[in-house]
Amino acid sequence: MRAGIGYDLHRLVEGRPLVLGGVGIEYPKGCLGHSDADVLLHAVIDALLGAAGLGDIGRHFPPDNPAYKDISSLLLLEKTALLIKKNGFAVVNVDSTIVCQAPRLAPYIPLMAEKTAWALGVEPRCVNIKAKTEEGLGATGSGEAISAYAVALITEKKPA
């Protein structure tokens, strides 16, 4: 078994859609970034890559590569899952936390977990997503940004 941790933070700006866990969230601001800026999935990708010893999201999906401009992070997660599998590992589970003052995310979490599990090729029970506020403190608490943390557990696949 191998574990990895991921973290990401994106500034919130007007004029961008807010996408978390592959789900469009109704909110007047969205995360600024080269891709769809899905802070949750970026943290999950980094956790998985870290667990497999394969670097980080920027190494595999560089932000200066036009191929990744506005790309869905669900697609990046699918590509990551294939890379994990190609390197002889299988995803056991992912546990994650989104940190933002607003919007309220509880209604969206089941769909986020379902989409994340689908992209990883695992059962939905293998993906856990939580949301927390910062009690008005810091960039996330003031509504300037959204951050996410993720921990992934992978295991080496047994040869057939």
C-alpha atoms as a PDB file:
ATOM      1  CA  MET A   1       0.000   0.000   0.000  1.00  0.00           C
ATOM      2  CA  ARG A   2       1.161   3.495  -0.822  1.00  0.00           C
ATOM      3  CA  ALA A   3      -0.347   6.816   0.245  1.00  0.00           C
ATOM      4  CA  GLY A   4      -0.136  10.251  -1.319  1.00  0.00           C
ATOM      5  CA  ILE A   5      -1.356  13.712  -0.362  1.00  0.00           C
ATOM      6  CA  GLY A   6      -2.550  16.447  -2.670  1.00  0.00           C
ATOM      7  CA  TYR A   7      -3.333  20.112  -2.207  1.00  0.00           C
ATOM      8  CA  ASP A   8      -4.522  22.851  -4.539  1.00  0.00           C
ATOM      9  CA  LEU A   9      -5.811  26.410  -4.293  1.00  0.00           C
ATOM     10  CA  HIS A  10      -7.355  28.631  -6.958  1.00  0.00           C
ATOM     11  CA  ARG A  11      -8.367  32.274  -6.830  1.00  0.00           C
ATOM     12  CA  LEU A  12     -12.087  32.953  -7.370  1.00  0.00           C
ATOM     13  CA  VAL A  13     -12.935  35.407 -10.161  1.00  0.00           C
ATOM     14  CA  GLU A  14     -16.066  36.627 -11.890  1.00  0.00           C
ATOM     15  CA  GLY A  15     -16.739  35.401 -15.414  1.00  0.00           C
ATOM     16  CA  ARG A  16     -15.580  31.797 -14.887  1.00  0.00           C
ATOM     17  CA  PRO A  17     -17.812  28.803 -14.155  1.00  0.00           C
ATOM     18  CA  LEU A  18     -17.271  27.083 -10.815  1.00  0.00           C
ATOM     19  CA  VAL A  19     -16.537  23.383 -11.290  1.00  0.00           C
ATOM     20  CA  LEU A  20     -15.764  21.107  -8.333  1.00  0.00           C
ATOM     21  CA  GLY A  21     -15.494  17.355  -8.587  1.00  0.00           C
ATOM     22  CA  GLY A  22     -16.592  17.599 -12.215  1.00  0.00           C
ATOM     23  CA  VAL A  23     -19.869  19.229 -11.193  1.00  0.00           C
ATOM     24  CA  GLY A  24     -20.976  22.712 -12.245  1.00  0.00           C
ATOM     25  CA  ILE A  25     -21.856  24.726  -9.142  1.00  0.00           C
ATOM     26  CA  GLU A  26     -24.226  27.686  -9.286  1.00  0.00           C
ATOM     27  CA  TYR A  27     -22.146  30.623  -8.029  1.00  0.00           C
ATOM     28  CA  PRO A  28     -21.267  34.062  -9.410  1.00  0.00           C
ATOM     29  CA  LYS A  29     -17.522  33.308  -9.360  1.00  0.00           C
ATOM     30  CA  GLY A  30     -15.361  30.468 -10.605  1.00  0.00           C
ATOM     31  CA  CYS A  31     -11.798  29.300 -10.100  1.00  0.00           C
ATOM     32  CA  LEU A  32      -9.110  30.931 -12.202  1.00  0.00           C
ATOM     33  CA  GLY A  33      -6.834  28.501 -14.005  1.00  0.00           C
ATOM     34  CA  HIS A  34      -5.607  27.140 -17.329  1.00  0.00           C
ATOM     35  CA  SER A  35      -7.919  24.102 -17.304  1.00  0.00           C
ATOM     36  CA  ASP A  36     -11.405  24.184 -15.798  1.00  0.00           C
ATOM     37  CA  ALA A  37      -9.518  24.870 -12.526  1.00  0.00           C
ATOM     38  CA  ASP A  38     -11.321  22.126 -10.600  1.00  0.00           C
ATOM     39  CA  VAL A  39      -9.416  22.510  -7.340  1.00  0.00           C
ATOM     40  CA  LEU A  40     -10.822  19.285  -5.868  1.00  0.00           C
ATOM     41  CA  LEU A  41      -9.805  17.065  -8.762  1.00  0.00           C
ATOM     42  CA  HIS A  42      -6.395  18.742  -8.984  1.00  0.00           C
ATOM     43  CA  ALA A  43      -5.755  17.803  -5.357  1.00  0.00           C
ATOM     44  CA  VAL A  44      -6.927  14.235  -6.033  1.00  0.00           C
ATOM     45  CA  ILE A  45      -4.655  13.973  -9.082  1.00  0.00           C
ATOM     46  CA  ASP A  46      -1.660  15.181  -7.060  1.00  0.00           C
ATOM     47  CA  ALA A  47      -2.449  12.693  -4.267  1.00  0.00           C
ATOM     48  CA  LEU A  48      -2.591   9.800  -6.740  1.00  0.00           C
ATOM     49  CA  LEU A  49       0.567  10.827  -8.579  1.00  0.00           C
ATOM     50  CA  GLY A  50       2.364  11.273  -5.272  1.00  0.00           C
ATOM     51  CA  ALA A  51       1.325   7.846  -4.041  1.00  0.00           C
ATOM     52  CA  ALA A  52       2.695   6.275  -7.228  1.00  0.00           C
ATOM     53  CA  GLY A  53       5.900   8.338  -7.122  1.00  0.00           C
ATOM     54  CA  LEU A  54       5.039   9.962 -10.457  1.00  0.00           C
ATOM     55  CA  GLY A  55       5.540  13.646  -9.683  1.00  0.00           C
ATOM     56  CA  ASP A  56       2.690  16.130  -9.773  1.00  0.00           C
ATOM     57  CA  ILE A  57      -0.076  17.495 -11.969  1.00  0.00           C
ATOM     58  CA  GLY A  58       2.137  20.172 -13.519  1.00  0.00           C
ATOM     59  CA  ARG A  59       4.595  17.552 -14.736  1.00  0.00           C
ATOM     60  CA  HIS A  60       1.942  15.550 -16.569  1.00  0.00           C
ATOM     61  CA  PHE A  61      -0.462  18.342 -17.565  1.00  0.00           C
ATOM     62  CA  PRO A  62       1.619  21.544 -17.812  1.00  0.00           C
ATOM     63  CA  PRO A  63      -0.359  24.790 -17.536  1.00  0.00           C
ATOM     64  CA  ASP A  64       1.525  26.287 -20.494  1.00  0.00           C
ATOM     65  CA  ASN A  65       0.402  23.472 -22.843  1.00  0.00           C
ATOM     66  CA  PRO A  66      -2.458  24.699 -25.069  1.00  0.00           C
ATOM     67  CA  ALA A  67      -3.856  21.137 -25.194  1.00  0.00           C
ATOM     68  CA  TYR A  68      -5.025  21.578 -21.596  1.00  0.00           C
ATOM     69  CA  LYS A  69      -6.651  25.004 -22.011  1.00  0.00           C
ATOM     70  CA  ASP A  70     -10.135  24.812 -20.445  1.00  0.00           C
ATOM     71  CA  ILE A  71      -9.964  20.975 -20.397  1.00  0.00           C
ATOM     72  CA  SER A  72     -12.235  19.118 -18.007  1.00  0.00           C
ATOM     73  CA  SER A  73     -10.317  17.961 -14.952  1.00  0.00           C
ATOM     74  CA  LEU A  74     -12.443  14.796 -15.048  1.00  0.00           C
ATOM     75  CA  LEU A  75     -10.583  13.956 -18.261  1.00  0.00           C
ATOM     76  CA  LEU A  76      -7.259  14.714 -16.537  1.00  0.00           C
ATOM     77  CA  LEU A  77      -8.313  12.435 -13.674  1.00  0.00           C
ATOM     78  CA  GLU A  78      -9.186   9.647 -16.138  1.00  0.00           C
ATOM     79  CA  LYS A  79      -5.743  10.036 -17.745  1.00  0.00           C
ATOM     80  CA  THR A  80      -4.167   9.923 -14.283  1.00  0.00           C
ATOM     81  CA  ALA A  81      -6.072   6.746 -13.394  1.00  0.00           C
ATOM     82  CA  LEU A  82      -4.770   5.120 -16.592  1.00  0.00           C
ATOM     83  CA  LEU A  83      -1.226   6.218 -15.738  1.00  0.00           C
ATOM     84  CA  ILE A  84      -1.567   4.750 -12.251  1.00  0.00           C
ATOM     85  CA  LYS A  85      -2.807   1.464 -13.748  1.00  0.00           C
ATOM     86  CA  LYS A  86      -0.054   1.448 -16.403  1.00  0.00           C
ATOM     87  CA  ASN A  87       2.519   1.733 -13.600  1.00  0.00           C
ATOM     88  CA  GLY A  88       1.175  -1.364 -11.841  1.00  0.00           C
ATOM     89  CA  PHE A  89      -1.086   0.199  -9.222  1.00  0.00           C
ATOM     90  CA  ALA A  90      -4.790   0.179  -8.396  1.00  0.00           C
ATOM     91  CA  VAL A  91      -6.700   2.890  -6.542  1.00  0.00           C
ATOM     92  CA  VAL A  92      -7.966   1.741  -3.136  1.00  0.00           C
ATOM     93  CA  ASN A  93      -9.634   4.941  -1.953  1.00  0.00           C
ATOM     94  CA  VAL A  94      -9.550   8.730  -1.955  1.00  0.00           C
ATOM     95  CA  ASP A  95     -10.512  11.023   0.927  1.00  0.00           C
ATOM     96  CA  SER A  96     -10.746  14.755   0.270  1.00  0.00           C
ATOM     97  CA  THR A  97     -11.800  18.074   1.746  1.00  0.00           C
ATOM     98  CA  ILE A  98     -12.863  21.230  -0.092  1.00  0.00           C
ATOM     99  CA  VAL A  99     -12.290  24.458   1.850  1.00  0.00           C
ATOM    100  CA  CYS A 100     -14.458  27.490   1.029  1.00  0.00           C
ATOM    101  CA  GLN A 101     -16.710  29.935   2.810  1.00  0.00           C
ATOM    102  CA  ALA A 102     -19.316  29.824   0.038  1.00  0.00           C
ATOM    103  CA  PRO A 103     -21.139  28.376  -1.775  1.00  0.00           C
ATOM    104  CA  ARG A 104     -22.701  25.675   0.342  1.00  0.00           C
ATOM    105  CA  LEU A 105     -21.542  22.405  -1.217  1.00  0.00           C
ATOM    106  CA  ALA A 106     -23.444  19.692   0.669  1.00  0.00           C
ATOM    107  CA  PRO A 107     -26.123  19.259  -2.048  1.00  0.00           C
ATOM    108  CA  TYR A 108     -23.443  18.693  -4.710  1.00  0.00           C
ATOM    109  CA  ILE A 109     -21.180  16.266  -2.858  1.00  0.00           C
ATOM    110  CA  PRO A 110     -22.929  12.979  -3.791  1.00  0.00           C
ATOM    111  CA  LEU A 111     -22.665  13.797  -7.517  1.00  0.00           C
ATOM    112  CA  MET A 112     -19.042  14.939  -7.098  1.00  0.00           C
ATOM    113  CA  ALA A 113     -18.172  11.623  -5.459  1.00  0.00           C
ATOM    114  CA  GLU A 114     -20.007   9.660  -8.158  1.00  0.00           C
ATOM    115  CA  LYS A 115     -18.218  11.470 -11.001  1.00  0.00           C
ATOM    116  CA  THR A 116     -14.839  11.187  -9.294  1.00  0.00           C
ATOM    117  CA  ALA A 117     -15.322   7.456  -8.712  1.00  0.00           C
ATOM    118  CA  TRP A 118     -16.397   6.952 -12.328  1.00  0.00           C
ATOM    119  CA  ALA A 119     -13.274   8.750 -13.633  1.00  0.00           C
ATOM    120  CA  LEU A 120     -11.096   6.601 -11.369  1.00  0.00           C
ATOM    121  CA  GLY A 121     -12.867   3.366 -12.268  1.00  0.00           C
ATOM    122  CA  VAL A 122     -13.688   2.583  -8.637  1.00  0.00           C
ATOM    123  CA  GLU A 123     -16.871   2.058  -6.643  1.00  0.00           C
ATOM    124  CA  PRO A 124     -18.453   5.271  -5.306  1.00  0.00           C
ATOM    125  CA  ARG A 125     -17.876   4.029  -1.736  1.00  0.00           C
ATOM    126  CA  CYS A 126     -14.129   4.386  -2.433  1.00  0.00           C
ATOM    127  CA  VAL A 127     -14.404   8.181  -2.761  1.00  0.00           C
ATOM    128  CA  ASN A 128     -15.143  10.464   0.171  1.00  0.00           C
ATOM    129  CA  ILE A 129     -15.593  14.228  -0.186  1.00  0.00           C
ATOM    130  CA  LYS A 130     -16.121  16.704   2.635  1.00  0.00           C
ATOM    131  CA  ALA A 131     -16.557  20.482   2.670  1.00  0.00           C
ATOM    132  CA  LYS A 132     -15.428  22.886   5.375  1.00  0.00           C
ATOM    133  CA  THR A 133     -15.438  26.635   5.903  1.00  0.00           C
ATOM    134  CA  GLU A 134     -12.603  28.706   7.353  1.00  0.00           C
ATOM    135  CA  GLU A 135     -14.853  30.684   9.702  1.00  0.00           C
ATOM    136  CA  GLY A 136     -14.171  33.813   7.633  1.00  0.00           C
ATOM    137  CA  LEU A 137     -10.377  33.575   7.984  1.00  0.00           C
ATOM    138  CA  GLY A 138      -7.728  33.730   5.251  1.00  0.00           C
ATOM    139  CA  ALA A 139      -8.145  33.762   1.475  1.00  0.00           C
ATOM    140  CA  THR A 140     -10.648  30.900   1.494  1.00  0.00           C
ATOM    141  CA  GLY A 141     -12.600  32.334   4.412  1.00  0.00           C
ATOM    142  CA  SER A 142     -12.890  35.749   2.767  1.00  0.00           C
ATOM    143  CA  GLY A 143     -14.189  34.244  -0.472  1.00  0.00           C
ATOM    144  CA  GLU A 144     -11.069  35.098  -2.468  1.00  0.00           C
ATOM    145  CA  ALA A 145     -10.162  31.455  -3.130  1.00  0.00           C
ATOM    146  CA  ILE A 146     -11.126  27.806  -2.816  1.00  0.00           C
ATOM    147  CA  SER A 147      -8.680  25.117  -1.734  1.00  0.00           C
ATOM    148  CA  ALA A 148      -8.795  21.349  -1.474  1.00  0.00           C
ATOM    149  CA  TYR A 149      -6.844  18.573   0.201  1.00  0.00           C
ATOM    150  CA  ALA A 150      -6.828  14.921  -0.803  1.00  0.00           C
ATOM    151  CA  VAL A 151      -5.285  11.693   0.411  1.00  0.00           C
ATOM    152  CA  ALA A 152      -5.113   8.686  -1.898  1.00  0.00           C
ATOM    153  CA  LEU A 153      -4.300   5.088  -1.095  1.00  0.00           C
ATOM    154  CA  ILE A 154      -3.113   2.805  -3.877  1.00  0.00           C
ATOM    155  CA  THR A 155      -1.895  -0.766  -3.961  1.00  0.00           C
ATOM    156  CA  GLU A 156       0.381  -2.695  -6.275  1.00  0.00           C
ATOM    157  CA  LYS A 157      -1.558  -4.956  -8.596  1.00  0.00           C
ATOM    158  CA  LYS A 158      -0.660  -8.625  -8.442  1.00  0.00           C
ATOM    159  CA  PRO A 159       0.589 -10.057 -11.761  1.00  0.00           C
ATOM    160  CA  ALA A 160      -1.988 -12.307 -13.427  1.00  0.00           C
END
